[in-house]
PDB file of N, CA and C in Angstrom:
ATOM      1  N   MET A   1      16.773-203.629  76.982  1.00  0.00           N
ATOM      2  CA  MET A   1      16.666-205.068  76.808  1.00  0.00           C
ATOM      3  C   MET A   1      16.306-205.700  78.226  1.00  0.00           C
ATOM      4  N   ALA A   2      15.496-206.769  78.064  1.00  0.00           N
ATOM      5  CA  ALA A   2      14.887-207.206  79.451  1.00  0.00           C
ATOM      6  C   ALA A   2      15.989-208.027  79.920  1.00  0.00           C
ATOM      7  N   ARG A   3      16.094-207.895  81.557  1.00  0.00           N
ATOM      8  CA  ARG A   3      17.032-208.517  82.070  1.00  0.00           C
ATOM      9  C   ARG A   3      16.580-209.937  82.524  1.00  0.00           C
ATOM     10  N   LYS A   4      17.546-210.793  82.776  1.00  0.00           N
ATOM     11  CA  LYS A   4      17.181-212.235  83.012  1.00  0.00           C
ATOM     12  C   LYS A   4      17.877-212.519  84.414  1.00  0.00           C
ATOM     13  N   MET A   5      17.348-213.587  85.125  1.00  0.00           N
ATOM     14  CA  MET A   5      17.984-214.199  86.389  1.00  0.00           C
ATOM     15  C   MET A   5      17.970-215.696  86.261  1.00  0.00           C
ATOM     16  N   ILE A   6      19.041-216.138  87.137  1.00  0.00           N
ATOM     17  CA  ILE A   6      19.090-217.546  87.331  1.00  0.00           C
ATOM     18  C   ILE A   6      19.242-217.560  88.913  1.00  0.00           C
ATOM     19  N   ASP A   7      18.635-218.632  89.552  1.00  0.00           N
ATOM     20  CA  ASP A   7      18.797-218.782  90.978  1.00  0.00           C
ATOM     21  C   ASP A   7      19.290-220.457  91.194  1.00  0.00           C
ATOM     22  N   CYS A   8      20.398-220.441  91.847  1.00  0.00           N
ATOM     23  CA  CYS A   8      21.089-221.892  91.967  1.00  0.00           C
ATOM     24  C   CYS A   8      20.002-222.771  92.866  1.00  0.00           C
ATOM     25  N   ARG A   9      19.060-222.057  93.534  1.00  0.00           N
ATOM     26  CA  ARG A   9      18.173-222.992  94.602  1.00  0.00           C
ATOM     27  C   ARG A   9      17.066-223.505  93.588  1.00  0.00           C
ATOM     28  N   ASP A  10      16.991-223.195  92.464  1.00  0.00           N
ATOM     29  CA  ASP A  10      16.069-223.864  91.514  1.00  0.00           C
ATOM     30  C   ASP A  10      16.732-225.174  90.870  1.00  0.00           C
ATOM     31  N   GLN A  11      17.876-225.309  91.011  1.00  0.00           N
ATOM     32  CA  GLN A  11      18.557-226.467  90.348  1.00  0.00           C
ATOM     33  C   GLN A  11      18.959-227.469  91.518  1.00  0.00           C
ATOM     34  N   LYS A  12      18.825-228.911  91.095  1.00  0.00           N
ATOM     35  CA  LYS A  12      19.215-230.070  92.162  1.00  0.00           C
ATOM     36  C   LYS A  12      20.652-229.861  92.449  1.00  0.00           C
ATOM     37  N   SER A  13      20.994-229.621  93.536  1.00  0.00           N
ATOM     38  CA  SER A  13      22.546-229.672  93.962  1.00  0.00           C
ATOM     39  C   SER A  13      22.613-230.079  95.294  1.00  0.00           C
ATOM     40  N   VAL A  14      23.863-231.023  95.420  1.00  0.00           N
ATOM     41  CA  VAL A  14      24.162-231.382  96.776  1.00  0.00           C
ATOM     42  C   VAL A  14      24.968-230.338  97.819  1.00  0.00           C
ATOM     43  N   SER A  15      25.336-229.289  97.039  1.00  0.00           N
ATOM     44  CA  SER A  15      26.134-228.190  97.569  1.00  0.00           C
ATOM     45  C   SER A  15      25.194-227.210  98.371  1.00  0.00           C
ATOM     46  N   GLY A  16      23.939-227.019  98.085  1.00  0.00           N
ATOM     47  CA  GLY A  16      22.954-226.094  98.715  1.00  0.00           C
ATOM     48  C   GLY A  16      23.419-224.613  98.473  1.00  0.00           C
ATOM     49  N   CYS A  17      23.769-224.371  97.225  1.00  0.00           N
ATOM     50  CA  CYS A  17      24.233-222.987  96.744  1.00  0.00           C
ATOM     51  C   CYS A  17      22.894-222.228  96.519  1.00  0.00           C
ATOM     52  N   THR A  18      23.237-221.040  97.211  1.00  0.00           N
ATOM     53  CA  THR A  18      22.044-220.019  97.161  1.00  0.00           C
ATOM     54  C   THR A  18      22.133-218.999  96.558  1.00  0.00           C
ATOM     55  N   LEU A  19      23.184-218.697  95.452  1.00  0.00           N
ATOM     56  CA  LEU A  19      23.596-217.656  94.606  1.00  0.00           C
ATOM     57  C   LEU A  19      22.217-217.441  93.624  1.00  0.00           C
ATOM     58  N   THR A  20      22.072-215.960  93.526  1.00  0.00           N
ATOM     59  CA  THR A  20      20.921-215.796  92.408  1.00  0.00           C
ATOM     60  C   THR A  20      21.966-214.516  91.686  1.00  0.00           C
ATOM     61  N   MET A  21      21.824-214.667  90.208  1.00  0.00           N
ATOM     62  CA  MET A  21      22.441-213.707  89.503  1.00  0.00           C
ATOM     63  C   MET A  21      21.317-213.084  88.536  1.00  0.00           C
ATOM     64  N   MET A  22      21.618-211.751  88.248  1.00  0.00           N
ATOM     65  CA  MET A  22      20.859-211.134  87.234  1.00  0.00           C
ATOM     66  C   MET A  22      21.543-210.170  86.143  1.00  0.00           C
ATOM     67  N   GLY A  23      20.933-210.221  84.959  1.00  0.00           N
ATOM     68  CA  GLY A  23      21.667-209.238  83.719  1.00  0.00           C
ATOM     69  C   GLY A  23      21.159-209.423  82.667  1.00  0.00           C
ATOM     70  N   GLU A  24      21.823-208.846  81.691  1.00  0.00           N
ATOM     71  CA  GLU A  24      21.400-208.949  80.104  1.00  0.00           C
ATOM     72  C   GLU A  24      21.573-210.585  79.992  1.00  0.00           C
ATOM     73  N   GLU A  25      21.226-211.177  78.766  1.00  0.00           N
ATOM     74  CA  GLU A  25      21.003-212.518  78.655  1.00  0.00           C
ATOM     75  C   GLU A  25      22.443-212.977  78.609  1.00  0.00           C
ATOM     76  N   GLU A  26      23.247-212.457  77.531  1.00  0.00           N
ATOM     77  CA  GLU A  26      24.580-212.823  77.187  1.00  0.00           C
ATOM     78  C   GLU A  26      25.545-212.629  78.331  1.00  0.00           C
ATOM     79  N   GLU A  27      25.365-211.564  79.066  1.00  0.00           N
ATOM     80  CA  GLU A  27      26.238-211.247  80.226  1.00  0.00           C
ATOM     81  C   GLU A  27      26.025-212.257  81.402  1.00  0.00           C
ATOM     82  N   LEU A  28      24.671-212.728  81.773  1.00  0.00           N
ATOM     83  CA  LEU A  28      24.285-213.468  82.596  1.00  0.00           C
ATOM     84  C   LEU A  28      24.773-215.196  82.158  1.00  0.00           C
ATOM     85  N   LEU A  29      24.607-215.431  80.870  1.00  0.00           N
ATOM     86  CA  LEU A  29      25.170-216.706  80.658  1.00  0.00           C
ATOM     87  C   LEU A  29      26.704-216.940  80.781  1.00  0.00           C
ATOM     88  N   LYS A  30      27.509-215.949  80.451  1.00  0.00           N
ATOM     89  CA  LYS A  30      29.085-215.980  80.914  1.00  0.00           C
ATOM     90  C   LYS A  30      29.254-216.023  82.174  1.00  0.00           C
ATOM     91  N   ALA A  31      28.377-215.353  83.102  1.00  0.00           N
ATOM     92  CA  ALA A  31      28.370-215.306  84.567  1.00  0.00           C
ATOM     93  C   ALA A  31      27.943-216.913  85.265  1.00  0.00           C
ATOM     94  N   ALA A  32      27.022-217.088  84.810  1.00  0.00           N
ATOM     95  CA  ALA A  32      26.589-218.379  85.145  1.00  0.00           C
ATOM     96  C   ALA A  32      27.329-219.655  84.923  1.00  0.00           C
ATOM     97  N   THR A  33      27.861-219.466  83.599  1.00  0.00           N
ATOM     98  CA  THR A  33      28.846-220.690  82.973  1.00  0.00           C
ATOM     99  C   THR A  33      30.007-220.664  84.127  1.00  0.00           C
ATOM    100  N   GLN A  34      30.501-219.555  84.238  1.00  0.00           N
ATOM    101  CA  GLN A  34      31.717-219.492  85.037  1.00  0.00           C
ATOM    102  C   GLN A  34      31.514-220.053  86.449  1.00  0.00           C
ATOM    103  N   HIS A  35      30.251-219.631  86.949  1.00  0.00           N
ATOM    104  CA  HIS A  35      29.870-220.228  88.418  1.00  0.00           C
ATOM    105  C   HIS A  35      29.761-221.813  88.350  1.00  0.00           C
ATOM    106  N   ALA A  36      29.189-222.261  87.249  1.00  0.00           N
ATOM    107  CA  ALA A  36      29.181-223.440  87.283  1.00  0.00           C
ATOM    108  C   ALA A  36      30.370-224.323  87.071  1.00  0.00           C
ATOM    109  N   ILE A  37      31.165-223.823  86.600  1.00  0.00           N
ATOM    110  CA  ILE A  37      32.365-224.544  86.238  1.00  0.00           C
ATOM    111  C   ILE A  37      33.344-224.556  87.636  1.00  0.00           C
ATOM    112  N   GLN A  38      33.389-223.210  88.177  1.00  0.00           N
ATOM    113  CA  GLN A  38      34.355-223.062  89.106  1.00  0.00           C
ATOM    114  C   GLN A  38      33.867-223.447  90.710  1.00  0.00           C
ATOM    115  N   VAL A  39      32.435-223.385  90.793  1.00  0.00           N
ATOM    116  CA  VAL A  39      31.890-223.817  92.040  1.00  0.00           C
ATOM    117  C   VAL A  39      31.280-225.143  91.979  1.00  0.00           C
ATOM    118  N   HIS A  40      30.682-225.509  90.945  1.00  0.00           N
ATOM    119  CA  HIS A  40      29.842-226.552  90.966  1.00  0.00           C
ATOM    120  C   HIS A  40      30.575-227.775  90.175  1.00  0.00           C
ATOM    121  N   GLY A  41      31.828-227.489  89.349  1.00  0.00           N
ATOM    122  CA  GLY A  41      32.457-228.444  89.005  1.00  0.00           C
ATOM    123  C   GLY A  41      31.969-228.902  87.555  1.00  0.00           C
ATOM    124  N   HIS A  42      31.065-228.243  86.931  1.00  0.00           N
ATOM    125  CA  HIS A  42      30.864-228.821  85.589  1.00  0.00           C
ATOM    126  C   HIS A  42      31.982-228.519  84.682  1.00  0.00           C
ATOM    127  N   ARG A  43      31.864-229.099  83.541  1.00  0.00           N
ATOM    128  CA  ARG A  43      32.617-228.913  82.368  1.00  0.00           C
ATOM    129  C   ARG A  43      31.865-227.849  81.414  1.00  0.00           C
ATOM    130  N   ASP A  44      32.336-226.919  80.801  1.00  0.00           N
ATOM    131  CA  ASP A  44      31.896-226.129  79.669  1.00  0.00           C
ATOM    132  C   ASP A  44      31.627-226.891  78.581  1.00  0.00           C
ATOM    133  N   SER A  45      30.390-226.735  78.003  1.00  0.00           N
ATOM    134  CA  SER A  45      29.853-227.377  76.897  1.00  0.00           C
ATOM    135  C   SER A  45      28.825-226.767  76.505  1.00  0.00           C
ATOM    136  N   PRO A  46      28.385-226.890  75.164  1.00  0.00           N
ATOM    137  CA  PRO A  46      27.234-226.455  74.582  1.00  0.00           C
ATOM    138  C   PRO A  46      25.885-226.991  75.529  1.00  0.00           C
ATOM    139  N   GLU A  47      25.948-228.236  75.896  1.00  0.00           N
ATOM    140  CA  GLU A  47      24.815-228.665  76.654  1.00  0.00           C
ATOM    141  C   GLU A  47      24.651-227.860  77.984  1.00  0.00           C
ATOM    142  N   LEU A  48      25.764-227.600  78.623  1.00  0.00           N
ATOM    143  CA  LEU A  48      25.726-226.838  79.881  1.00  0.00           C
ATOM    144  C   LEU A  48      25.293-225.462  79.581  1.00  0.00           C
ATOM    145  N   ARG A  49      25.676-224.856  78.623  1.00  0.00           N
ATOM    146  CA  ARG A  49      24.927-223.543  78.247  1.00  0.00           C
ATOM    147  C   ARG A  49      23.481-223.436  77.979  1.00  0.00           C
ATOM    148  N   LYS A  50      23.245-224.490  77.227  1.00  0.00           N
ATOM    149  CA  LYS A  50      21.872-224.590  77.018  1.00  0.00           C
ATOM    150  C   LYS A  50      21.110-224.878  78.038  1.00  0.00           C
ATOM    151  N   MET A  51      21.448-225.682  79.065  1.00  0.00           N
ATOM    152  CA  MET A  51      20.875-225.752  80.309  1.00  0.00           C
ATOM    153  C   MET A  51      20.772-224.596  81.262  1.00  0.00           C
ATOM    154  N   LEU A  52      21.797-223.950  81.072  1.00  0.00           N
ATOM    155  CA  LEU A  52      21.634-222.844  82.007  1.00  0.00           C
ATOM    156  C   LEU A  52      20.823-221.765  81.404  1.00  0.00           C
ATOM    157  N   ARG A  53      20.593-221.687  80.004  1.00  0.00           N
ATOM    158  CA  ARG A  53      19.884-220.491  79.400  1.00  0.00           C
ATOM    159  C   ARG A  53      18.407-220.975  79.604  1.00  0.00           C
ATOM    160  N   SER A  54      17.892-222.090  79.542  1.00  0.00           N
ATOM    161  CA  SER A  54      16.739-222.828  79.631  1.00  0.00           C
ATOM    162  C   SER A  54      16.170-222.359  81.049  1.00  0.00           C
ATOM    163  N   SER A  55      17.316-222.105  82.214  1.00  0.00           N
ATOM    164  CA  SER A  55      16.782-222.043  83.415  1.00  0.00           C
ATOM    165  C   SER A  55      16.574-220.522  83.688  1.00  0.00           C
ATOM    166  N   PHE A  56      17.072-219.547  82.571  1.00  0.00           N
ATOM    167  CA  PHE A  56      16.878-218.159  82.888  1.00  0.00           C
ATOM    168  C   PHE A  56      15.159-217.741  83.078  1.00  0.00           C
ATOM    169  N   LYS A  57      15.072-216.866  84.050  1.00  0.00           N
ATOM    170  CA  LYS A  57      13.613-216.427  84.095  1.00  0.00           C
ATOM    171  C   LYS A  57      13.641-214.854  83.861  1.00  0.00           C
ATOM    172  N   ASN A  58      12.707-214.155  83.483  1.00  0.00           N
ATOM    173  CA  ASN A  58      12.625-212.807  83.483  1.00  0.00           C
ATOM    174  C   ASN A  58      12.893-212.316  84.832  1.00  0.00           C
ATOM    175  N   ALA A  59      13.793-211.376  84.797  1.00  0.00           N
ATOM    176  CA  ALA A  59      14.087-210.672  86.306  1.00  0.00           C
ATOM    177  C   ALA A  59      13.075-209.494  86.521  1.00  0.00           C
ATOM    178  N   PRO A  60      12.899-209.312  87.854  1.00  0.00           N
ATOM    179  CA  PRO A  60      11.870-208.438  88.135  1.00  0.00           C
ATOM    180  C   PRO A  60      12.277-207.004  87.727  1.00  0.00           C
ATOM    181  N   GLN A  61      11.362-206.167  87.467  1.00  0.00           N
ATOM    182  CA  GLN A  61      11.595-204.616  87.045  1.00  0.00           C
ATOM    183  C   GLN A  61      12.082-203.995  88.375  1.00  0.00           C
ATOM    184  N   MET A  62      13.413-203.417  87.961  1.00  0.00           N
ATOM    185  CA  MET A  62      14.014-202.475  89.243  1.00  0.00           C
ATOM    186  C   MET A  62      14.163-201.145  88.591  1.00  0.00           C
ATOM    187  N   GLU A  63      14.150-200.115  89.615  1.00  0.00           N
ATOM    188  CA  GLU A  63      14.632-198.802  89.263  1.00  0.00           C
ATOM    189  C   GLU A  63      15.830-198.734  88.535  1.00  0.00           C
ATOM    190  N   GLN A  64      16.229-198.037  87.784  1.00  0.00           N
ATOM    191  CA  GLN A  64      17.654-197.770  87.188  1.00  0.00           C
ATOM    192  C   GLN A  64      18.300-197.204  88.036  1.00  0.00           C
ATOM    193  N   ALA A  65      19.676-197.493  88.451  1.00  0.00           N
ATOM    194  CA  ALA A  65      20.608-196.655  89.245  1.00  0.00           C
ATOM    195  C   ALA A  65      21.027-195.540  88.502  1.00  0.00           C
ATOM    196  N   ALA A  66      21.089-194.502  89.170  1.00  0.00           N
ATOM    197  CA  ALA A  66      21.916-193.373  88.677  1.00  0.00           C
ATOM    198  C   ALA A  66      23.299-193.437  88.502  1.00  0.00           C
ATOM    199  N   HIS A  67      23.823-193.210  87.307  1.00  0.00           N
ATOM    200  CA  HIS A  67      25.099-193.316  86.564  1.00  0.00           C
ATOM    201  C   HIS A  67      25.852-191.768  87.129  1.00  0.00           C
ATOM    202  N   PRO A  68      27.021-191.960  87.690  1.00  0.00           N
ATOM    203  CA  PRO A  68      27.610-190.576  88.069  1.00  0.00           C
ATOM    204  C   PRO A  68      28.085-189.886  86.850  1.00  0.00           C
TER     205      PRO A  68
END
């Protein structure tokens, strides 16, 4: 499955947040939602999740890490 990414620098924000996250889409949505609530003071809602999901971009391809 293709990885997605979201970058707070792409959003209008007074906090100047520079966090970038990437992962599989559902994993990223959970993490981005938690970040938006805890750091930026948003309330969890279907509208927030829709806005976050619409901000996702395809993540650059990276070499897969070896798993021990």
